[in-house]
N, C-alpha and C. Protein backbone atom coordinates (compact mmCIF):
# COMPACT_ATOMS: atom_id res chain seq x y z
N UNK A 1 -44.97 32.83 -120.95
CA UNK A 1 -45.99 31.79 -120.66
C UNK A 1 -45.21 31.05 -119.46
N UNK A 2 -46.09 30.62 -118.47
CA UNK A 2 -45.51 29.79 -117.44
C UNK A 2 -45.58 28.40 -117.57
N UNK A 3 -44.67 27.55 -116.97
CA UNK A 3 -44.74 26.21 -117.15
C UNK A 3 -45.73 25.64 -116.10
N UNK A 4 -45.97 24.43 -116.22
CA UNK A 4 -46.96 23.80 -115.27
C UNK A 4 -46.51 23.73 -113.90
N UNK A 5 -45.32 23.39 -113.57
CA UNK A 5 -44.88 23.14 -112.13
C UNK A 5 -43.87 24.40 -111.94
N UNK A 6 -44.11 25.52 -112.28
CA UNK A 6 -43.31 26.65 -112.16
C UNK A 6 -43.35 27.00 -110.56
N UNK A 7 -42.21 27.33 -109.99
CA UNK A 7 -42.35 27.80 -108.56
C UNK A 7 -42.57 29.26 -108.55
N UNK A 8 -43.47 29.64 -107.78
CA UNK A 8 -43.76 31.01 -107.76
C UNK A 8 -44.05 31.48 -106.27
N UNK A 9 -43.47 32.74 -106.00
CA UNK A 9 -43.75 33.14 -104.61
C UNK A 9 -45.22 33.62 -104.36
N UNK A 10 -46.02 33.03 -103.69
CA UNK A 10 -47.32 33.49 -103.29
C UNK A 10 -47.30 34.03 -102.04
N UNK A 11 -48.07 35.28 -101.76
CA UNK A 11 -48.06 35.97 -100.46
C UNK A 11 -48.54 34.93 -99.55
N UNK A 12 -48.10 34.84 -98.26
CA UNK A 12 -48.64 33.91 -97.29
C UNK A 12 -50.06 34.05 -96.89
N UNK A 13 -50.59 35.31 -97.00
CA UNK A 13 -51.95 35.61 -96.72
C UNK A 13 -52.83 35.11 -97.76
N UNK A 14 -52.44 35.32 -98.95
CA UNK A 14 -53.11 34.83 -100.18
C UNK A 14 -53.20 33.29 -100.06
N UNK A 15 -52.04 32.55 -99.87
CA UNK A 15 -52.11 31.14 -99.70
C UNK A 15 -53.04 30.77 -98.64
N UNK A 16 -52.74 31.35 -97.51
CA UNK A 16 -53.74 31.02 -96.39
C UNK A 16 -55.33 31.06 -96.78
N UNK A 17 -55.63 32.07 -97.37
CA UNK A 17 -57.10 32.25 -97.64
C UNK A 17 -57.63 31.20 -98.68
N UNK A 18 -56.73 30.97 -99.66
CA UNK A 18 -57.11 30.00 -100.66
C UNK A 18 -57.22 28.68 -100.06
N UNK A 19 -56.05 28.28 -99.35
CA UNK A 19 -55.97 26.92 -98.73
C UNK A 19 -57.16 26.74 -97.63
N UNK A 20 -57.67 27.71 -97.03
CA UNK A 20 -58.50 27.48 -95.90
C UNK A 20 -59.93 27.55 -96.53
N UNK A 21 -60.25 28.57 -97.43
CA UNK A 21 -61.57 28.86 -97.84
C UNK A 21 -62.05 28.36 -99.11
N UNK A 22 -61.21 28.03 -99.97
CA UNK A 22 -61.45 27.62 -101.50
C UNK A 22 -61.30 26.19 -101.76
N UNK A 23 -62.37 25.54 -102.22
CA UNK A 23 -62.34 24.27 -102.62
C UNK A 23 -61.85 24.09 -104.04
N UNK A 24 -61.09 23.00 -104.34
CA UNK A 24 -60.54 22.85 -105.67
C UNK A 24 -61.53 22.94 -106.78
N UNK A 25 -62.67 22.65 -106.52
CA UNK A 25 -63.88 22.68 -107.51
C UNK A 25 -64.32 23.96 -107.98
N UNK A 26 -63.91 24.97 -107.08
CA UNK A 26 -64.23 26.42 -107.50
C UNK A 26 -63.51 27.03 -108.78
N UNK A 27 -64.12 27.87 -109.40
CA UNK A 27 -63.50 28.34 -110.62
C UNK A 27 -62.43 29.47 -110.12
N UNK A 28 -61.56 29.71 -111.08
CA UNK A 28 -60.46 30.78 -110.88
C UNK A 28 -61.21 32.11 -110.47
N UNK A 29 -62.35 32.42 -111.18
CA UNK A 29 -62.91 33.64 -111.00
C UNK A 29 -63.55 33.65 -109.59
N UNK A 30 -64.21 32.56 -109.15
CA UNK A 30 -64.70 32.60 -107.71
C UNK A 30 -63.42 32.71 -106.67
N UNK A 31 -62.45 32.09 -106.91
CA UNK A 31 -61.35 32.11 -106.04
C UNK A 31 -60.76 33.51 -105.95
N UNK A 32 -60.55 34.16 -107.07
CA UNK A 32 -60.27 35.61 -107.06
C UNK A 32 -61.09 36.44 -106.48
N UNK A 33 -62.42 36.41 -106.66
CA UNK A 33 -63.48 37.09 -105.96
C UNK A 33 -63.32 37.01 -104.48
N UNK A 34 -63.24 35.73 -104.02
CA UNK A 34 -63.18 35.52 -102.47
C UNK A 34 -61.95 36.08 -101.95
N UNK A 35 -60.78 36.04 -102.56
CA UNK A 35 -59.59 36.62 -102.08
C UNK A 35 -59.68 38.18 -102.03
N UNK A 36 -60.26 38.80 -103.07
CA UNK A 36 -60.46 40.23 -103.02
C UNK A 36 -61.38 40.51 -101.89
N UNK A 37 -62.57 39.81 -101.71
CA UNK A 37 -63.33 40.18 -100.64
C UNK A 37 -62.89 40.15 -99.43
N UNK A 38 -61.69 39.42 -99.17
CA UNK A 38 -61.12 39.34 -97.88
C UNK A 38 -59.95 40.54 -97.60
N UNK A 39 -59.69 41.26 -98.68
CA UNK A 39 -58.80 42.41 -98.44
C UNK A 39 -59.50 43.48 -97.49
N UNK A 40 -58.71 44.21 -96.85
CA UNK A 40 -59.23 45.29 -95.86
C UNK A 40 -60.49 45.88 -96.20
N UNK A 41 -60.52 46.53 -97.25
CA UNK A 41 -61.80 47.20 -97.80
C UNK A 41 -62.29 46.50 -98.98
N UNK A 42 -62.04 45.24 -99.09
CA UNK A 42 -62.56 44.51 -100.31
C UNK A 42 -62.10 45.16 -101.70
N UNK A 43 -63.23 45.16 -102.54
CA UNK A 43 -62.93 45.62 -103.90
C UNK A 43 -62.38 47.04 -103.93
N UNK A 44 -62.78 47.82 -103.03
CA UNK A 44 -62.28 49.09 -103.14
C UNK A 44 -60.73 49.19 -102.99
N UNK A 45 -60.20 48.34 -102.09
CA UNK A 45 -58.69 48.28 -101.78
C UNK A 45 -58.11 47.81 -103.13
N UNK A 46 -58.81 46.69 -103.62
CA UNK A 46 -58.23 46.17 -104.97
C UNK A 46 -58.10 47.18 -106.00
N UNK A 47 -59.11 47.94 -106.31
CA UNK A 47 -59.18 49.00 -107.28
C UNK A 47 -58.13 50.04 -107.08
N UNK A 48 -57.89 50.27 -105.86
CA UNK A 48 -56.84 51.43 -105.43
C UNK A 48 -55.35 50.94 -105.76
N UNK A 49 -55.21 49.52 -105.77
CA UNK A 49 -53.95 49.11 -106.00
C UNK A 49 -53.28 49.37 -107.46
N UNK A 50 -52.02 49.65 -107.58
CA UNK A 50 -51.48 49.93 -109.01
C UNK A 50 -51.77 48.54 -109.83
N UNK A 51 -51.99 48.73 -111.02
CA UNK A 51 -52.45 47.77 -112.07
C UNK A 51 -51.44 46.72 -111.94
N UNK A 52 -50.13 46.73 -111.97
CA UNK A 52 -49.24 45.59 -111.87
C UNK A 52 -49.40 44.79 -110.63
N UNK A 53 -49.69 45.45 -109.48
CA UNK A 53 -49.97 44.70 -108.17
C UNK A 53 -51.23 44.03 -108.33
N UNK A 54 -52.35 44.54 -108.92
CA UNK A 54 -53.59 43.75 -109.02
C UNK A 54 -53.33 42.62 -109.93
N UNK A 55 -52.69 42.76 -111.04
CA UNK A 55 -52.36 41.56 -111.94
C UNK A 55 -51.58 40.40 -111.27
N UNK A 56 -50.47 41.00 -110.34
CA UNK A 56 -49.82 39.97 -109.59
C UNK A 56 -50.60 39.21 -108.52
N UNK A 57 -51.45 39.95 -107.78
CA UNK A 57 -52.36 39.37 -106.95
C UNK A 57 -53.23 38.32 -107.56
N UNK A 58 -53.75 38.56 -108.68
CA UNK A 58 -54.64 37.64 -109.39
C UNK A 58 -53.91 36.53 -110.02
N UNK A 59 -52.67 36.72 -110.35
CA UNK A 59 -51.81 35.63 -110.86
C UNK A 59 -51.36 34.70 -109.67
N UNK A 60 -51.21 35.37 -108.54
CA UNK A 60 -50.90 34.48 -107.26
C UNK A 60 -52.05 33.59 -107.01
N UNK A 61 -53.29 34.15 -107.11
CA UNK A 61 -54.45 33.50 -106.80
C UNK A 61 -54.65 32.28 -107.74
N UNK A 62 -54.41 32.58 -108.94
CA UNK A 62 -54.62 31.54 -109.97
C UNK A 62 -53.56 30.36 -109.65
N UNK A 63 -52.35 30.85 -109.55
CA UNK A 63 -51.19 29.82 -109.34
C UNK A 63 -51.51 28.90 -108.15
N UNK A 64 -51.97 29.58 -107.03
CA UNK A 64 -52.12 28.77 -105.73
C UNK A 64 -53.23 27.76 -105.95
N UNK A 65 -54.45 28.26 -106.60
CA UNK A 65 -55.49 27.39 -106.80
C UNK A 65 -55.16 26.24 -107.70
N UNK A 66 -54.27 26.56 -108.79
CA UNK A 66 -53.99 25.42 -109.67
C UNK A 66 -53.04 24.45 -108.97
N UNK A 67 -52.31 24.94 -107.99
CA UNK A 67 -51.32 23.90 -107.29
C UNK A 67 -52.13 23.16 -106.33
N UNK A 68 -53.24 23.74 -105.71
CA UNK A 68 -54.04 22.98 -104.72
C UNK A 68 -54.86 21.88 -105.74
N UNK A 69 -55.20 22.26 -106.87
CA UNK A 69 -55.86 21.21 -107.66
C UNK A 69 -54.89 20.12 -108.08
N UNK A 70 -53.80 20.41 -108.32
CA UNK A 70 -52.79 19.57 -108.76
C UNK A 70 -52.42 18.48 -107.62
N UNK A 71 -52.44 19.13 -106.45
CA UNK A 71 -52.12 18.32 -105.19
C UNK A 71 -53.48 17.28 -104.91
N UNK A 72 -54.59 17.89 -105.19
CA UNK A 72 -55.78 17.10 -104.92
C UNK A 72 -55.85 16.04 -105.90
N UNK A 73 -55.49 16.19 -107.25
CA UNK A 73 -55.48 14.96 -108.15
C UNK A 73 -54.36 14.04 -107.84
N UNK A 74 -53.32 14.43 -107.32
CA UNK A 74 -52.39 13.45 -106.73
C UNK A 74 -52.77 12.63 -105.73
N UNK A 75 -53.39 13.26 -104.71
CA UNK A 75 -53.94 12.50 -103.54
C UNK A 75 -55.05 11.59 -103.83
N UNK A 76 -55.83 12.14 -104.82
CA UNK A 76 -57.09 11.23 -105.13
C UNK A 76 -56.71 10.08 -106.08
N UNK A 77 -55.76 10.18 -106.75
CA UNK A 77 -55.25 9.20 -107.63
C UNK A 77 -54.41 8.20 -106.94
N UNK A 78 -54.00 8.55 -105.78
CA UNK A 78 -53.19 7.52 -105.02
C UNK A 78 -51.80 7.87 -105.29
N UNK A 79 -51.31 8.76 -106.12
CA UNK A 79 -49.88 8.89 -106.42
C UNK A 79 -49.01 9.37 -105.08
N UNK A 80 -49.77 10.21 -104.32
CA UNK A 80 -48.91 10.48 -103.05
C UNK A 80 -48.96 9.46 -101.93
N UNK A 81 -50.09 8.79 -101.80
CA UNK A 81 -50.24 7.78 -100.91
C UNK A 81 -49.34 6.61 -101.24
N UNK A 82 -49.20 6.24 -102.56
CA UNK A 82 -48.45 5.14 -103.11
C UNK A 82 -46.86 5.48 -102.82
N UNK A 83 -46.53 6.79 -103.10
CA UNK A 83 -45.09 7.08 -102.83
C UNK A 83 -44.74 6.94 -101.32
N UNK A 84 -45.65 7.30 -100.58
CA UNK A 84 -45.39 7.25 -99.11
C UNK A 84 -45.22 5.79 -98.66
N UNK A 85 -46.11 4.89 -99.11
CA UNK A 85 -45.99 3.45 -98.81
C UNK A 85 -44.76 2.72 -99.27
N UNK A 86 -44.28 3.15 -100.52
CA UNK A 86 -43.02 2.65 -101.14
C UNK A 86 -41.79 3.11 -100.25
N UNK A 87 -41.96 4.44 -99.82
CA UNK A 87 -40.73 4.96 -99.15
C UNK A 87 -40.60 4.25 -97.81
N UNK A 88 -41.69 3.69 -97.27
CA UNK A 88 -41.65 3.09 -95.95
C UNK A 88 -40.97 1.60 -96.03
N UNK A 89 -41.22 1.07 -97.15
CA UNK A 89 -40.75 -0.44 -97.41
C UNK A 89 -39.34 -0.50 -97.55
């Protein structure tokens, strides 16, 4: 079981696709489908990957999307903005 703030290596392309195209309100399923659709041959490429690699790709999608949501919550609640203001004083 993974911890909430576990550091995980997410492939840079997966990170870029999710950061650029996926809003935090999207479900994990929507995010995973979107990332798969951006593979060279889409779902066909995904199905041809070994099972372990498919699982890792989906886990990376889930992890990156969760981290983006966590960042969104911090920004919208003012936690990050307040920290920045306190550091400046």
